[in-house]
Amino acid sequence: MKPTLLKATYSLILFSFAQQTLESMYEGIEFDMTKVKETSFPDFEKKITEYGGVGDGIFKNSEAFKAAIEAVNAKGGGMSIHI
């Protein structure tokens, strides 16, 4: 399967799960099950390029990821860390 088609298929699957409400996931279950709480993240994000990261597929970004994760953690969490 070509990468573009694979990505499109994966996106469609994720989209269909996102449309499902938390309540509908528990319909028809034959036993009492504790409901999962919906996760939320603070509206805070950092890019690893702010910490020396390079998005070229060659540069080792380990330290930049570590620094960005620590910065997001220090703020109490966040949405994303990306290049």
C-alpha atoms as a PDB file:
ATOM      1  CA  MET A   1       0.000   0.000   0.000  1.00  0.00           C
ATOM      2  CA  LYS A   2       1.396   3.408  -0.930  1.00  0.00           C
ATOM      3  CA  PRO A   3       2.308   5.702   2.008  1.00  0.00           C
ATOM      4  CA  THR A   4      -0.206   8.385   0.952  1.00  0.00           C
ATOM      5  CA  LEU A   5      -3.062   5.898   0.736  1.00  0.00           C
ATOM      6  CA  LEU A   6      -2.017   4.374   4.053  1.00  0.00           C
ATOM      7  CA  LYS A   7      -2.029   7.801   5.730  1.00  0.00           C
ATOM      8  CA  ALA A   8      -5.456   8.598   4.260  1.00  0.00           C
ATOM      9  CA  THR A   9      -6.877   5.289   5.468  1.00  0.00           C
ATOM     10  CA  TYR A  10      -5.396   5.771   8.932  1.00  0.00           C
ATOM     11  CA  SER A  11      -6.821   9.317   9.110  1.00  0.00           C
ATOM     12  CA  LEU A  12     -10.269   8.061   8.134  1.00  0.00           C
ATOM     13  CA  ILE A  13     -10.175   5.402  10.847  1.00  0.00           C
ATOM     14  CA  LEU A  14      -9.126   7.945  13.470  1.00  0.00           C
ATOM     15  CA  PHE A  15     -11.838  10.333  12.298  1.00  0.00           C
ATOM     16  CA  SER A  16     -14.511   7.664  12.643  1.00  0.00           C
ATOM     17  CA  PHE A  17     -13.404   6.892  16.212  1.00  0.00           C
ATOM     18  CA  ALA A  18     -13.349  10.603  17.053  1.00  0.00           C
ATOM     19  CA  GLN A  19     -16.992  10.879  16.013  1.00  0.00           C
ATOM     20  CA  GLN A  20     -17.980   8.298  18.594  1.00  0.00           C
ATOM     21  CA  THR A  21     -19.045   9.817  21.928  1.00  0.00           C
ATOM     22  CA  LEU A  22     -17.754   8.434  25.186  1.00  0.00           C
ATOM     23  CA  GLU A  23     -21.306   7.487  26.200  1.00  0.00           C
ATOM     24  CA  SER A  24     -21.951   5.494  23.009  1.00  0.00           C
ATOM     25  CA  MET A  25     -18.871   3.379  23.670  1.00  0.00           C
ATOM     26  CA  TYR A  26     -20.620   1.867  26.707  1.00  0.00           C
ATOM     27  CA  GLU A  27     -23.926   1.028  25.007  1.00  0.00           C
ATOM     28  CA  GLY A  28     -24.698  -2.685  24.939  1.00  0.00           C
ATOM     29  CA  ILE A  29     -22.014  -3.739  27.417  1.00  0.00           C
ATOM     30  CA  GLU A  30     -23.388  -6.668  29.428  1.00  0.00           C
ATOM     31  CA  PHE A  31     -21.494  -5.879  32.639  1.00  0.00           C
ATOM     32  CA  ASP A  32     -20.952  -2.882  34.904  1.00  0.00           C
ATOM     33  CA  MET A  33     -17.822  -1.095  33.740  1.00  0.00           C
ATOM     34  CA  THR A  34     -16.203   2.008  35.191  1.00  0.00           C
ATOM     35  CA  LYS A  35     -16.311   4.755  32.581  1.00  0.00           C
ATOM     36  CA  VAL A  36     -13.074   6.240  31.338  1.00  0.00           C
ATOM     37  CA  LYS A  37     -12.672   9.961  31.937  1.00  0.00           C
ATOM     38  CA  GLU A  38     -11.990  12.066  28.856  1.00  0.00           C
ATOM     39  CA  THR A  39      -8.448  13.408  28.861  1.00  0.00           C
ATOM     40  CA  SER A  40      -7.776  17.098  28.474  1.00  0.00           C
ATOM     41  CA  PHE A  41      -4.508  18.942  28.096  1.00  0.00           C
ATOM     42  CA  PRO A  42      -3.664  22.582  28.805  1.00  0.00           C
ATOM     43  CA  ASP A  43      -3.582  24.801  25.736  1.00  0.00           C
ATOM     44  CA  PHE A  44       0.211  25.065  25.738  1.00  0.00           C
ATOM     45  CA  GLU A  45       2.625  23.835  23.109  1.00  0.00           C
ATOM     46  CA  LYS A  46       6.292  23.968  22.318  1.00  0.00           C
ATOM     47  CA  LYS A  47       8.230  23.240  19.158  1.00  0.00           C
ATOM     48  CA  ILE A  48      11.502  21.358  19.428  1.00  0.00           C
ATOM     49  CA  THR A  49      13.059  23.889  17.059  1.00  0.00           C
ATOM     50  CA  GLU A  50      12.859  26.340  19.978  1.00  0.00           C
ATOM     51  CA  TYR A  51      15.357  24.050  21.714  1.00  0.00           C
ATOM     52  CA  GLY A  52      17.769  23.418  18.865  1.00  0.00           C
ATOM     53  CA  GLY A  53      15.852  20.679  17.049  1.00  0.00           C
ATOM     54  CA  VAL A  54      16.217  20.295  13.298  1.00  0.00           C
ATOM     55  CA  GLY A  55      13.531  18.704  11.105  1.00  0.00           C
ATOM     56  CA  ASP A  56      15.755  17.251   8.420  1.00  0.00           C
ATOM     57  CA  GLY A  57      15.485  13.547   9.298  1.00  0.00           C
ATOM     58  CA  ILE A  58      19.224  13.363   9.946  1.00  0.00           C
ATOM     59  CA  PHE A  59      19.940  15.524  12.988  1.00  0.00           C
ATOM     60  CA  LYS A  60      19.713  13.745  16.352  1.00  0.00           C
ATOM     61  CA  ASN A  61      16.961  15.657  18.191  1.00  0.00           C
ATOM     62  CA  SER A  62      17.057  13.761  21.490  1.00  0.00           C
ATOM     63  CA  GLU A  63      18.250  16.706  23.591  1.00  0.00           C
ATOM     64  CA  ALA A  64      15.812  19.100  21.909  1.00  0.00           C
ATOM     65  CA  PHE A  65      12.898  16.728  22.604  1.00  0.00           C
ATOM     66  CA  LYS A  66      14.040  16.337  26.204  1.00  0.00           C
ATOM     67  CA  ALA A  67      14.242  20.114  26.726  1.00  0.00           C
ATOM     68  CA  ALA A  68      10.836  20.705  25.082  1.00  0.00           C
ATOM     69  CA  ILE A  69       9.190  17.956  27.146  1.00  0.00           C
ATOM     70  CA  GLU A  70      10.686  19.419  30.329  1.00  0.00           C
ATOM     71  CA  ALA A  71       9.388  22.898  29.383  1.00  0.00           C
ATOM     72  CA  VAL A  72       5.876  21.564  28.746  1.00  0.00           C
ATOM     73  CA  ASN A  73       6.002  19.567  31.982  1.00  0.00           C
ATOM     74  CA  ALA A  74       7.096  22.645  33.943  1.00  0.00           C
ATOM     75  CA  LYS A  75       3.948  24.439  32.719  1.00  0.00           C
ATOM     76  CA  GLY A  76       1.738  21.563  33.891  1.00  0.00           C
ATOM     77  CA  GLY A  77       1.402  19.754  30.567  1.00  0.00           C
ATOM     78  CA  GLY A  78       0.524  20.737  27.057  1.00  0.00           C
ATOM     79  CA  MET A  79      -0.922  19.880  23.707  1.00  0.00           C
ATOM     80  CA  SER A  80       1.992  18.994  21.465  1.00  0.00           C
ATOM     81  CA  ILE A  81       5.683  19.024  20.847  1.00  0.00           C
ATOM     82  CA  HIS A  82       6.588  19.106  17.173  1.00  0.00           C
ATOM     83  CA  ILE A  83       9.111  20.283  14.628  1.00  0.00           C
END
